[in-house]
Amino acid sequence: MKPTYPLNKAQITGWVLAGGQSSRMGGVDKGLLTFQGQTLVQRAIERLQPQVHSVMV
């Protein structure tokens, strides 16, 4: 099925990739690090959410 253009929010699912071993960070889970009171995963979701229908992590 080919999408029709322009796409609207209802047609888009956003993905936040949050896996990996964090070997360069000494095994610390980067997604759970906090910046200005929020985890990095929370910040990514908040910025993506207004642009898509749903967000998957």
PDB file of N, CA and C in Angstrom:
ATOM      1  N   MET A   1       0.831  -1.163   0.000  1.00  0.00           N
ATOM      2  CA  MET A   1       0.000   0.000   0.000  1.00  0.00           C
ATOM      3  C   MET A   1       0.888   1.243   0.000  1.00  0.00           C
ATOM      4  N   LYS A   2       0.726   2.089  -0.969  1.00  0.00           N
ATOM      5  CA  LYS A   2       1.503   3.319  -1.041  1.00  0.00           C
ATOM      6  C   LYS A   2       0.790   4.424  -0.273  1.00  0.00           C
ATOM      7  N   PRO A   3       1.551   5.202   0.511  1.00  0.00           N
ATOM      8  CA  PRO A   3       0.913   6.306   1.241  1.00  0.00           C
ATOM      9  C   PRO A   3       0.530   7.438   0.309  1.00  0.00           C
ATOM     10  N   THR A   4      -0.501   8.149   0.685  1.00  0.00           N
ATOM     11  CA  THR A   4      -0.868   9.345  -0.068  1.00  0.00           C
ATOM     12  C   THR A   4      -0.149  10.532   0.555  1.00  0.00           C
ATOM     13  N   TYR A   5       0.175  11.483  -0.258  1.00  0.00           N
ATOM     14  CA  TYR A   5       0.916  12.651   0.235  1.00  0.00           C
ATOM     15  C   TYR A   5       0.056  13.889   0.150  1.00  0.00           C
ATOM     16  N   PRO A   6       0.147  14.842   1.025  1.00  0.00           N
ATOM     17  CA  PRO A   6       1.020  14.805   2.205  1.00  0.00           C
ATOM     18  C   PRO A   6       0.454  13.891   3.283  1.00  0.00           C
ATOM     19  N   LEU A   7       1.344  13.295   4.068  1.00  0.00           N
ATOM     20  CA  LEU A   7       0.929  12.424   5.161  1.00  0.00           C
ATOM     21  C   LEU A   7       0.364  13.264   6.302  1.00  0.00           C
ATOM     22  N   ASN A   8      -0.586  12.702   7.017  1.00  0.00           N
ATOM     23  CA  ASN A   8      -1.057  13.391   8.216  1.00  0.00           C
ATOM     24  C   ASN A   8      -0.669  12.582   9.447  1.00  0.00           C
ATOM     25  N   LYS A   9      -0.798  13.183  10.606  1.00  0.00           N
ATOM     26  CA  LYS A   9      -0.393  12.547  11.860  1.00  0.00           C
ATOM     27  C   LYS A   9      -1.000  11.169  12.055  1.00  0.00           C
ATOM     28  N   ALA A  10      -2.236  10.989  11.631  1.00  0.00           N
ATOM     29  CA  ALA A  10      -2.928   9.719  11.854  1.00  0.00           C
ATOM     30  C   ALA A  10      -2.264   8.565  11.120  1.00  0.00           C
ATOM     31  N   GLN A  11      -1.426   8.870  10.144  1.00  0.00           N
ATOM     32  CA  GLN A  11      -0.779   7.828   9.350  1.00  0.00           C
ATOM     33  C   GLN A  11       0.636   7.507   9.822  1.00  0.00           C
ATOM     34  N   ILE A  12       1.129   8.174  10.857  1.00  0.00           N
ATOM     35  CA  ILE A  12       2.539   8.049  11.224  1.00  0.00           C
ATOM     36  C   ILE A  12       2.692   7.542  12.654  1.00  0.00           C
ATOM     37  N   THR A  13       3.535   6.524  12.811  1.00  0.00           N
ATOM     38  CA  THR A  13       3.950   6.045  14.122  1.00  0.00           C
ATOM     39  C   THR A  13       5.411   6.413  14.289  1.00  0.00           C
ATOM     40  N   GLY A  14       5.741   7.059  15.391  1.00  0.00           N
ATOM     41  CA  GLY A  14       7.131   7.425  15.670  1.00  0.00           C
ATOM     42  C   GLY A  14       7.804   6.346  16.499  1.00  0.00           C
ATOM     43  N   TRP A  15       9.084   6.134  16.260  1.00  0.00           N
ATOM     44  CA  TRP A  15       9.852   5.132  16.994  1.00  0.00           C
ATOM     45  C   TRP A  15      11.016   5.798  17.698  1.00  0.00           C
ATOM     46  N   VAL A  16      11.206   5.479  18.967  1.00  0.00           N
ATOM     47  CA  VAL A  16      12.383   5.905  19.720  1.00  0.00           C
ATOM     48  C   VAL A  16      13.205   4.646  19.967  1.00  0.00           C
ATOM     49  N   LEU A  17      14.386   4.593  19.375  1.00  0.00           N
ATOM     50  CA  LEU A  17      15.255   3.428  19.545  1.00  0.00           C
ATOM     51  C   LEU A  17      16.004   3.577  20.862  1.00  0.00           C
ATOM     52  N   ALA A  18      15.816   2.630  21.760  1.00  0.00           N
ATOM     53  CA  ALA A  18      16.376   2.757  23.102  1.00  0.00           C
ATOM     54  C   ALA A  18      17.055   1.469  23.550  1.00  0.00           C
ATOM     55  N   GLY A  19      17.745   0.819  22.654  1.00  0.00           N
ATOM     56  CA  GLY A  19      18.428  -0.415  23.005  1.00  0.00           C
ATOM     57  C   GLY A  19      19.928  -0.238  22.956  1.00  0.00           C
ATOM     58  N   GLY A  20      20.636  -1.281  23.183  1.00  0.00           N
ATOM     59  CA  GLY A  20      22.091  -1.248  23.103  1.00  0.00           C
ATOM     60  C   GLY A  20      22.730  -1.509  24.453  1.00  0.00           C
ATOM     61  N   GLN A  21      24.028  -1.744  24.408  1.00  0.00           N
ATOM     62  CA  GLN A  21      24.750  -2.116  25.620  1.00  0.00           C
ATOM     63  C   GLN A  21      25.388  -0.932  26.333  1.00  0.00           C
ATOM     64  N   SER A  22      25.429   0.231  25.719  1.00  0.00           N
ATOM     65  CA  SER A  22      26.056   1.417  26.317  1.00  0.00           C
ATOM     66  C   SER A  22      27.498   1.143  26.722  1.00  0.00           C
ATOM     67  N   SER A  23      28.208   0.378  25.899  1.00  0.00           N
ATOM     68  CA  SER A  23      29.574  -0.017  26.261  1.00  0.00           C
ATOM     69  C   SER A  23      30.510   1.180  26.416  1.00  0.00           C
ATOM     70  N   ARG A  24      30.320   2.226  25.642  1.00  0.00           N
ATOM     71  CA  ARG A  24      31.180   3.410  25.778  1.00  0.00           C
ATOM     72  C   ARG A  24      30.812   4.248  26.994  1.00  0.00           C
ATOM     73  N   MET A  25      29.660   3.969  27.584  1.00  0.00           N
ATOM     74  CA  MET A  25      29.206   4.698  28.778  1.00  0.00           C
ATOM     75  C   MET A  25      29.407   3.852  30.042  1.00  0.00           C
ATOM     76  N   GLY A  26      30.154   2.776  29.918  1.00  0.00           N
ATOM     77  CA  GLY A  26      30.400   1.924  31.085  1.00  0.00           C
ATOM     78  C   GLY A  26      29.188   1.117  31.504  1.00  0.00           C
ATOM     79  N   GLY A  27      28.293   0.847  30.576  1.00  0.00           N
ATOM     80  CA  GLY A  27      27.109   0.043  30.870  1.00  0.00           C
ATOM     81  C   GLY A  27      25.935   0.824  31.438  1.00  0.00           C
ATOM     82  N   VAL A  28      26.077   2.143  31.573  1.00  0.00           N
ATOM     83  CA  VAL A  28      24.986   2.981  32.083  1.00  0.00           C
ATOM     84  C   VAL A  28      23.917   3.121  31.004  1.00  0.00           C
ATOM     85  N   ASP A  29      22.664   2.910  31.359  1.00  0.00           N
ATOM     86  CA  ASP A  29      21.563   3.018  30.397  1.00  0.00           C
ATOM     87  C   ASP A  29      21.356   4.484  30.025  1.00  0.00           C
ATOM     88  N   LYS A  30      21.728   4.842  28.803  1.00  0.00           N
ATOM     89  CA  LYS A  30      21.653   6.245  28.364  1.00  0.00           C
ATOM     90  C   LYS A  30      20.230   6.786  28.398  1.00  0.00           C
ATOM     91  N   GLY A  31      19.273   5.973  28.069  1.00  0.00           N
ATOM     92  CA  GLY A  31      17.887   6.426  28.043  1.00  0.00           C
ATOM     93  C   GLY A  31      17.357   6.838  29.404  1.00  0.00           C
ATOM     94  N   LEU A  32      17.967   6.313  30.456  1.00  0.00           N
ATOM     95  CA  LEU A  32      17.509   6.629  31.808  1.00  0.00           C
ATOM     96  C   LEU A  32      18.320   7.738  32.467  1.00  0.00           C
ATOM     97  N   LEU A  33      19.335   8.260  31.773  1.00  0.00           N
ATOM     98  CA  LEU A  33      20.060   9.421  32.288  1.00  0.00           C
ATOM     99  C   LEU A  33      19.122  10.612  32.292  1.00  0.00           C
ATOM    100  N   THR A  34      19.282  11.496  33.259  1.00  0.00           N
ATOM    101  CA  THR A  34      18.402  12.659  33.324  1.00  0.00           C
ATOM    102  C   THR A  34      19.099  13.913  32.820  1.00  0.00           C
ATOM    103  N   PHE A  35      18.306  14.767  32.216  1.00  0.00           N
ATOM    104  CA  PHE A  35      18.740  16.076  31.742  1.00  0.00           C
ATOM    105  C   PHE A  35      17.601  17.038  32.028  1.00  0.00           C
ATOM    106  N   GLN A  36      17.873  18.053  32.809  1.00  0.00           N
ATOM    107  CA  GLN A  36      16.861  19.037  33.200  1.00  0.00           C
ATOM    108  C   GLN A  36      15.612  18.370  33.784  1.00  0.00           C
ATOM    109  N   GLY A  37      15.838  17.368  34.629  1.00  0.00           N
ATOM    110  CA  GLY A  37      14.745  16.736  35.363  1.00  0.00           C
ATOM    111  C   GLY A  37      13.967  15.663  34.631  1.00  0.00           C
ATOM    112  N   GLN A  38      14.368  15.306  33.415  1.00  0.00           N
ATOM    113  CA  GLN A  38      13.669  14.256  32.653  1.00  0.00           C
ATOM    114  C   GLN A  38      14.685  13.253  32.130  1.00  0.00           C
ATOM    115  N   THR A  39      14.232  12.003  31.975  1.00  0.00           N
ATOM    116  CA  THR A  39      15.121  11.039  31.339  1.00  0.00           C
ATOM    117  C   THR A  39      15.229  11.380  29.853  1.00  0.00           C
ATOM    118  N   LEU A  40      16.299  10.918  29.229  1.00  0.00           N
ATOM    119  CA  LEU A  40      16.484  11.195  27.806  1.00  0.00           C
ATOM    120  C   LEU A  40      15.377  10.563  26.966  1.00  0.00           C
ATOM    121  N   VAL A  41      14.880   9.395  27.391  1.00  0.00           N
ATOM    122  CA  VAL A  41      13.775   8.761  26.666  1.00  0.00           C
ATOM    123  C   VAL A  41      12.515   9.620  26.773  1.00  0.00           C
ATOM    124  N   GLN A  42      12.221  10.143  27.950  1.00  0.00           N
ATOM    125  CA  GLN A  42      11.050  11.016  28.115  1.00  0.00           C
ATOM    126  C   GLN A  42      11.156  12.246  27.220  1.00  0.00           C
ATOM    127  N   ARG A  43      12.332  12.831  27.160  1.00  0.00           N
ATOM    128  CA  ARG A  43      12.532  14.029  26.338  1.00  0.00           C
ATOM    129  C   ARG A  43      12.304  13.714  24.861  1.00  0.00           C
ATOM    130  N   ALA A  44      12.816  12.565  24.409  1.00  0.00           N
ATOM    131  CA  ALA A  44      12.633  12.175  23.011  1.00  0.00           C
ATOM    132  C   ALA A  44      11.151  11.965  22.698  1.00  0.00           C
ATOM    133  N   ILE A  45      10.433  11.290  23.592  1.00  0.00           N
ATOM    134  CA  ILE A  45       9.002  11.039  23.392  1.00  0.00           C
ATOM    135  C   ILE A  45       8.224  12.349  23.348  1.00  0.00           C
ATOM    136  N   GLU A  46       8.507  13.256  24.265  1.00  0.00           N
ATOM    137  CA  GLU A  46       7.786  14.534  24.303  1.00  0.00           C
ATOM    138  C   GLU A  46       7.976  15.347  23.029  1.00  0.00           C
ATOM    139  N   ARG A  47       9.143  15.276  22.451  1.00  0.00           N
ATOM    140  CA  ARG A  47       9.397  16.045  21.232  1.00  0.00           C
ATOM    141  C   ARG A  47       8.802  15.383  19.994  1.00  0.00           C
ATOM    142  N   LEU A  48       8.705  14.062  20.022  1.00  0.00           N
ATOM    143  CA  LEU A  48       8.162  13.329  18.887  1.00  0.00           C
ATOM    144  C   LEU A  48       6.632  13.308  18.889  1.00  0.00           C
ATOM    145  N   GLN A  49       6.025  13.212  20.062  1.00  0.00           N
ATOM    146  CA  GLN A  49       4.574  13.026  20.195  1.00  0.00           C
ATOM    147  C   GLN A  49       3.725  14.020  19.406  1.00  0.00           C
ATOM    148  N   PRO A  50       4.015  15.332  19.400  1.00  0.00           N
ATOM    149  CA  PRO A  50       3.151  16.263  18.660  1.00  0.00           C
ATOM    150  C   PRO A  50       3.172  16.056  17.142  1.00  0.00           C
ATOM    151  N   GLN A  51       4.142  15.298  16.650  1.00  0.00           N
ATOM    152  CA  GLN A  51       4.310  15.157  15.210  1.00  0.00           C
ATOM    153  C   GLN A  51       3.756  13.849  14.650  1.00  0.00           C
ATOM    154  N   VAL A  52       3.348  12.920  15.541  1.00  0.00           N
ATOM    155  CA  VAL A  52       2.916  11.593  15.107  1.00  0.00           C
ATOM    156  C   VAL A  52       1.638  11.174  15.834  1.00  0.00           C
ATOM    157  N   HIS A  53       1.031  10.096  15.341  1.00  0.00           N
ATOM    158  CA  HIS A  53      -0.180   9.545  15.965  1.00  0.00           C
ATOM    159  C   HIS A  53       0.160   8.786  17.247  1.00  0.00           C
ATOM    160  N   SER A  54       1.204   7.980  17.198  1.00  0.00           N
ATOM    161  CA  SER A  54       1.601   7.202  18.369  1.00  0.00           C
ATOM    162  C   SER A  54       3.119   7.051  18.383  1.00  0.00           C
ATOM    163  N   VAL A  55       3.650   6.751  19.561  1.00  0.00           N
ATOM    164  CA  VAL A  55       5.093   6.585  19.737  1.00  0.00           C
ATOM    165  C   VAL A  55       5.360   5.199  20.300  1.00  0.00           C
ATOM    166  N   MET A  56       6.320   4.514  19.718  1.00  0.00           N
ATOM    167  CA  MET A  56       6.755   3.200  20.192  1.00  0.00           C
ATOM    168  C   MET A  56       8.193   3.336  20.666  1.00  0.00           C
ATOM    169  N   VAL A  57       8.515   2.671  21.780  1.00  0.00           N
ATOM    170  CA  VAL A  57       9.883   2.685  22.311  1.00  0.00           C
ATOM    171  C   VAL A  57      10.423   1.280  22.233  1.00  0.00           C
TER     172      VAL A  57
END
